[in-house]
Amino acid sequence: MTFKEWLNIVLDKGLICERYLPDVDAARSRKQFMDIALDVNGMEFLCDMGAKGYKLPYETMRNEFVAYMNGRYIRSKSSSDGGYTSSMYCSIEMPSEITVNTTLTGLFDCRCTVYVPEHTVCQVYVDSGSNIQLHVPTTSKCYVEVWNGGGVVSSGGGNVYIKHKCRDNE
């Protein structure tokens, strides 16, 4: 399934928030689609879709969006509150490791070790296809949202706040 086929399915089902429909309709490039996905609401939406049975087509994402995955692209969003940065990882397998280098990090179909650097505050989204080992030093804070079937094992003594998000299939 291509990304556009997947997108058409979720559009036809009416699963995209009306606030984001104009942005999705206006997007013409992979970068524009990734900028929508890397929004804080976009990452939660993608994880929700997986939990509802409409998970991202991982292989397609790895192939069609390779320039924007796995640390190759960081989105910066400015706001009056200071803004944030975000990135997405897809299909990272052990023994590979990820070092968080953005405020928001989305993990899709990942089974790997994730390190949070010293003196970092971040949020990590773990979709239903991911199981990670998370290492957070005592000087850092990591907020983690984990969807149905996803897993997180935490170590390192840092402040880790895990919230399990359970969505019914619709």
Protein backbone atom coordinates (compact mmCIF):
# COMPACT_ATOMS: atom_id res chain seq x y z
CA MET A 1 0.00 0.00 0.00
CA THR A 2 1.34 3.43 -0.89
CA PHE A 3 1.20 6.37 1.51
CA LYS A 4 -1.45 8.06 -0.64
CA GLU A 5 -3.60 4.90 -0.58
CA TRP A 6 -3.30 4.79 3.21
CA LEU A 7 -4.11 8.50 3.43
CA ASN A 8 -7.18 8.06 1.22
CA ILE A 9 -8.45 5.28 3.50
CA VAL A 10 -8.20 7.42 6.64
CA LEU A 11 -9.70 10.38 4.77
CA ASP A 12 -12.62 8.26 3.50
CA LYS A 13 -13.26 7.00 7.05
CA GLY A 14 -13.38 10.61 8.30
CA LEU A 15 -10.55 9.99 10.78
CA ILE A 16 -8.60 13.20 10.17
CA CYS A 17 -9.53 16.14 12.37
CA GLU A 18 -11.27 18.93 10.45
CA ARG A 19 -8.65 21.38 11.69
CA TYR A 20 -5.96 19.49 9.74
CA LEU A 21 -7.93 18.73 6.57
CA PRO A 22 -6.88 21.98 4.82
CA ASP A 23 -3.20 21.24 5.57
CA VAL A 24 -3.50 17.66 4.31
CA ASP A 25 -5.36 18.80 1.17
CA ALA A 26 -2.71 21.46 0.47
CA ALA A 27 0.28 19.14 0.97
CA ARG A 28 1.95 18.26 -2.33
CA SER A 29 5.40 17.03 -1.34
CA ARG A 30 6.73 14.38 1.01
CA LYS A 31 8.27 17.12 3.13
CA GLN A 32 4.89 18.84 3.50
CA PHE A 33 3.28 15.55 4.59
CA MET A 34 6.13 14.93 7.05
CA ASP A 35 5.75 18.41 8.53
CA ILE A 36 2.09 17.57 9.26
CA ALA A 37 3.04 14.18 10.72
CA LEU A 38 5.78 15.71 12.89
CA ASP A 39 3.37 18.09 14.55
CA VAL A 40 2.58 17.07 18.14
CA ASN A 41 -0.98 16.25 17.09
CA GLY A 42 0.24 14.48 13.96
CA MET A 43 2.35 11.99 15.91
CA GLU A 44 -0.53 11.20 18.24
CA PHE A 45 -2.81 10.80 15.22
CA LEU A 46 -0.44 8.32 13.55
CA CYS A 47 -0.20 6.26 16.74
CA ASP A 48 -4.00 6.37 17.13
CA MET A 49 -4.47 5.12 13.57
CA GLY A 50 -2.27 2.11 14.29
CA ALA A 51 -4.26 1.30 17.42
CA LYS A 52 -7.50 1.58 15.42
CA GLY A 53 -6.26 -0.86 12.78
CA TYR A 54 -4.99 1.67 10.23
CA LYS A 55 -1.29 1.60 11.01
CA LEU A 56 1.16 3.39 8.78
CA PRO A 57 2.42 1.23 5.92
CA TYR A 58 5.89 0.89 7.47
CA GLU A 59 7.65 -0.45 4.38
CA THR A 60 6.24 2.34 2.25
CA MET A 61 7.28 4.93 4.83
CA ARG A 62 10.84 3.54 4.85
CA ASN A 63 10.98 3.65 1.04
CA GLU A 64 8.97 6.75 0.06
CA PHE A 65 10.02 8.93 3.00
CA VAL A 66 13.60 7.74 3.50
CA ALA A 67 14.94 11.32 3.38
CA TYR A 68 12.75 12.26 6.36
CA MET A 69 13.13 9.19 8.60
CA ASN A 70 15.58 7.84 11.14
CA GLY A 71 17.37 11.04 12.05
CA ARG A 72 17.67 12.47 8.55
CA TYR A 73 15.12 15.26 9.08
CA ILE A 74 14.32 17.44 12.07
CA ARG A 75 11.29 19.67 11.95
CA SER A 76 11.44 22.94 13.87
CA LYS A 77 8.21 24.61 14.88
CA SER A 78 8.37 28.13 16.25
CA SER A 79 5.74 29.59 18.53
CA SER A 80 5.31 32.35 21.04
CA ASP A 81 5.94 29.69 23.73
CA GLY A 82 9.37 28.85 22.31
CA GLY A 83 8.50 26.07 19.91
CA TYR A 84 9.83 22.55 19.61
CA THR A 85 11.69 20.16 17.33
CA SER A 86 10.50 16.74 16.20
CA SER A 87 11.69 13.66 14.34
CA MET A 88 10.41 10.22 13.34
CA TYR A 89 12.03 6.80 13.32
CA CYS A 90 10.64 3.78 11.50
CA SER A 91 11.67 0.11 11.66
CA ILE A 92 14.84 0.48 13.71
CA GLU A 93 15.88 -2.97 14.93
CA MET A 94 18.30 -4.22 17.58
CA PRO A 95 21.21 -3.84 17.91
CA SER A 96 20.62 -0.33 16.56
CA GLU A 97 20.33 2.56 18.97
CA ILE A 98 18.66 5.95 18.83
CA THR A 99 19.82 9.01 20.73
CA VAL A 100 16.96 11.46 21.17
CA ASN A 101 17.93 14.82 19.68
CA THR A 102 14.53 16.49 19.40
CA THR A 103 11.82 17.63 21.80
CA LEU A 104 9.34 15.14 20.28
CA THR A 105 10.34 11.77 18.87
CA GLY A 106 7.98 9.31 17.16
CA LEU A 107 8.89 5.62 17.09
CA PHE A 108 7.03 3.44 14.59
CA ASP A 109 7.73 -0.29 14.26
CA CYS A 110 10.95 0.08 16.28
CA ARG A 111 12.60 -2.54 18.45
CA CYS A 112 15.75 -0.88 19.73
CA THR A 113 17.47 0.97 22.54
CA VAL A 114 16.67 4.67 22.95
CA TYR A 115 19.01 7.00 24.86
CA VAL A 116 18.02 10.39 26.24
CA PRO A 117 21.02 12.71 26.69
CA GLU A 118 21.92 14.42 29.97
CA HIS A 119 19.89 17.54 30.89
CA THR A 120 17.14 16.83 28.35
CA VAL A 121 13.36 17.14 28.55
CA CYS A 122 11.58 15.26 25.78
CA GLN A 123 8.45 13.41 24.75
CA VAL A 124 8.53 10.03 23.00
CA TYR A 125 5.61 8.47 21.12
CA VAL A 126 5.75 4.66 20.92
CA ASP A 127 3.29 3.12 18.46
CA SER A 128 1.67 -0.29 18.83
CA GLY A 129 4.36 -1.93 16.65
CA SER A 130 7.29 -0.81 18.81
CA ASN A 131 9.06 -2.22 21.85
CA ILE A 132 11.95 -0.17 23.16
CA GLN A 133 14.48 -0.08 25.96
CA LEU A 134 14.64 3.51 27.21
CA HIS A 135 17.68 4.87 29.09
CA VAL A 136 17.14 8.20 30.82
CA PRO A 137 19.88 9.75 33.01
CA THR A 138 18.99 11.25 36.39
CA THR A 139 19.37 14.79 35.03
CA SER A 140 16.69 14.29 32.35
CA LYS A 141 12.91 13.98 32.03
CA CYS A 142 11.14 11.86 29.44
CA TYR A 143 7.39 11.74 28.89
CA VAL A 144 6.39 8.59 27.03
CA GLU A 145 3.08 7.78 25.37
CA VAL A 146 2.69 4.09 24.50
CA TRP A 147 -0.15 2.72 22.37
CA ASN A 148 -1.84 -0.72 22.50
CA GLY A 149 0.76 -3.44 22.06
CA GLY A 150 3.76 -1.13 22.26
CA GLY A 151 6.25 -1.64 25.04
CA VAL A 152 8.81 0.33 27.02
CA VAL A 153 11.37 -0.90 29.52
CA SER A 154 12.97 2.04 31.31
CA SER A 155 16.30 2.32 33.11
CA GLY A 156 18.84 4.90 34.12
CA GLY A 157 17.18 6.56 37.10
CA GLY A 158 15.88 9.63 35.29
CA ASN A 159 12.37 10.98 35.54
CA VAL A 160 10.28 8.83 33.20
CA TYR A 161 6.54 9.34 32.95
CA ILE A 162 4.83 6.60 30.96
CA LYS A 163 1.24 6.98 29.84
CA HIS A 164 -0.46 4.00 28.23
CA LYS A 165 -2.88 5.02 25.52
CA CYS A 166 -5.49 2.40 24.76
CA ARG A 167 -7.68 3.03 21.74
CA ASP A 168 -10.53 0.83 20.64
CA ASN A 169 -10.61 -0.35 17.06
CA GLU A 170 -13.30 1.54 15.21
